[in-house]
Amino acid sequence: MDIKITYTQQGDYLLPDLKLPKQPKVEIGIWGKRHLRYIKQHHPIRYTNLLTSCKLTTYLADINEQAEEMFFRLVKQLAEKEGVTQQLKTDNQMQY
């Protein structure tokens, strides 16, 4: 297998031109962005491993999806516990 590696001169050194493969464009929501900030600050090795293995965007999209499902499930459970229905919300919008 013939792989051509190119280099860029930086001072007295030749550094290889490294590029990551193209990753699919995935929309990451608020929960994924918050998790990204968290792993950058508190787990830099995990962040670097995910980034260099090209798994970061799919990982964050999965985290975002799980968090959204959990959020909506919790909201639904709380509404059922408190007895909030659509009829209640339409009758008295200021209260709910």
Protein backbone atom coordinates (compact mmCIF):
# COMPACT_ATOMS: atom_id res chain seq x y z
CA MET A 1 0.00 0.00 0.00
CA ASP A 2 1.53 3.29 -1.13
CA ILE A 3 0.57 6.18 1.15
CA LYS A 4 1.89 9.63 0.32
CA ILE A 5 2.65 11.75 3.37
CA THR A 6 3.22 15.46 2.96
CA TYR A 7 5.11 17.68 5.37
CA THR A 8 5.12 21.35 6.32
CA GLN A 9 8.25 23.09 7.54
CA GLN A 10 7.91 24.79 10.91
CA GLY A 11 11.23 26.43 11.76
CA ASP A 12 13.86 23.70 11.61
CA TYR A 13 11.33 20.87 11.74
CA LEU A 14 9.24 19.06 9.14
CA LEU A 15 5.84 18.22 10.58
CA PRO A 16 3.48 15.76 8.87
CA ASP A 17 0.23 17.17 7.51
CA LEU A 18 -2.35 15.15 9.40
CA LYS A 19 -6.03 15.39 8.52
CA LEU A 20 -9.02 13.64 9.99
CA PRO A 21 -11.41 11.90 7.60
CA LYS A 22 -14.65 13.66 6.78
CA GLN A 23 -17.35 13.15 9.40
CA PRO A 24 -21.07 13.27 8.68
CA LYS A 25 -22.84 16.49 9.56
CA VAL A 26 -24.98 15.75 12.60
CA GLU A 27 -27.00 18.35 14.46
CA ILE A 28 -26.05 18.27 18.13
CA GLY A 29 -28.51 19.82 20.55
CA ILE A 30 -28.05 21.56 23.87
CA TRP A 31 -27.46 18.35 25.85
CA GLY A 32 -24.76 17.18 23.46
CA LYS A 33 -23.06 20.58 23.57
CA ARG A 34 -23.12 20.58 27.37
CA HIS A 35 -21.64 17.08 27.46
CA LEU A 36 -18.94 18.19 25.01
CA ARG A 37 -17.99 21.05 27.31
CA TYR A 38 -17.97 18.63 30.27
CA ILE A 39 -15.69 16.03 28.66
CA LYS A 40 -13.34 18.74 27.38
CA GLN A 41 -12.93 20.11 30.91
CA HIS A 42 -13.04 16.96 33.02
CA HIS A 43 -12.09 14.06 30.70
CA PRO A 44 -9.58 15.41 28.16
CA ILE A 45 -8.23 11.95 27.32
CA ARG A 46 -11.70 10.62 26.49
CA TYR A 47 -12.34 13.75 24.40
CA THR A 48 -9.07 13.31 22.49
CA ASN A 49 -9.70 9.61 21.92
CA LEU A 50 -13.21 10.25 20.57
CA LEU A 51 -12.00 13.12 18.39
CA THR A 52 -9.06 11.26 16.86
CA SER A 53 -11.09 8.09 16.27
CA CYS A 54 -13.77 10.17 14.46
CA LYS A 55 -16.47 9.02 16.88
CA LEU A 56 -17.06 12.32 18.68
CA THR A 57 -20.02 13.59 16.64
CA THR A 58 -21.91 10.28 16.73
CA TYR A 59 -21.16 9.94 20.45
CA LEU A 60 -22.51 13.43 21.18
CA ALA A 61 -25.56 12.91 18.98
CA ASP A 62 -26.32 9.69 20.89
CA ILE A 63 -25.89 11.45 24.26
CA ASN A 64 -28.16 14.26 23.08
CA GLU A 65 -30.86 11.81 21.96
CA GLN A 66 -30.75 9.90 25.25
CA ALA A 67 -30.92 13.12 27.28
CA GLU A 68 -33.90 14.45 25.28
CA GLU A 69 -35.78 11.17 25.74
CA MET A 70 -35.09 11.27 29.48
CA PHE A 71 -36.17 14.92 29.71
CA PHE A 72 -39.49 14.34 27.93
CA ARG A 73 -40.12 11.19 29.96
CA LEU A 74 -39.54 13.11 33.21
CA VAL A 75 -41.80 15.97 32.11
CA LYS A 76 -44.55 13.49 31.25
CA GLN A 77 -44.19 11.68 34.58
CA LEU A 78 -44.29 14.95 36.51
CA ALA A 79 -47.38 16.12 34.60
CA GLU A 80 -49.14 12.84 35.37
CA LYS A 81 -48.13 13.05 39.04
CA GLU A 82 -49.40 16.63 39.35
CA GLY A 83 -52.54 15.91 37.35
CA VAL A 84 -51.80 18.41 34.59
CA THR A 85 -53.79 17.67 31.43
CA GLN A 86 -54.28 19.49 28.13
CA GLN A 87 -57.77 20.52 29.25
CA LEU A 88 -56.38 22.10 32.42
CA LYS A 89 -53.77 24.00 30.42
CA THR A 90 -56.35 25.39 27.98
CA ASP A 91 -58.79 26.37 30.74
CA ASN A 92 -56.36 28.30 32.90
CA GLN A 93 -53.16 29.13 31.02
CA MET A 94 -51.77 31.49 33.65
CA GLN A 95 -51.80 28.82 36.35
CA TYR A 96 -50.01 26.13 34.32
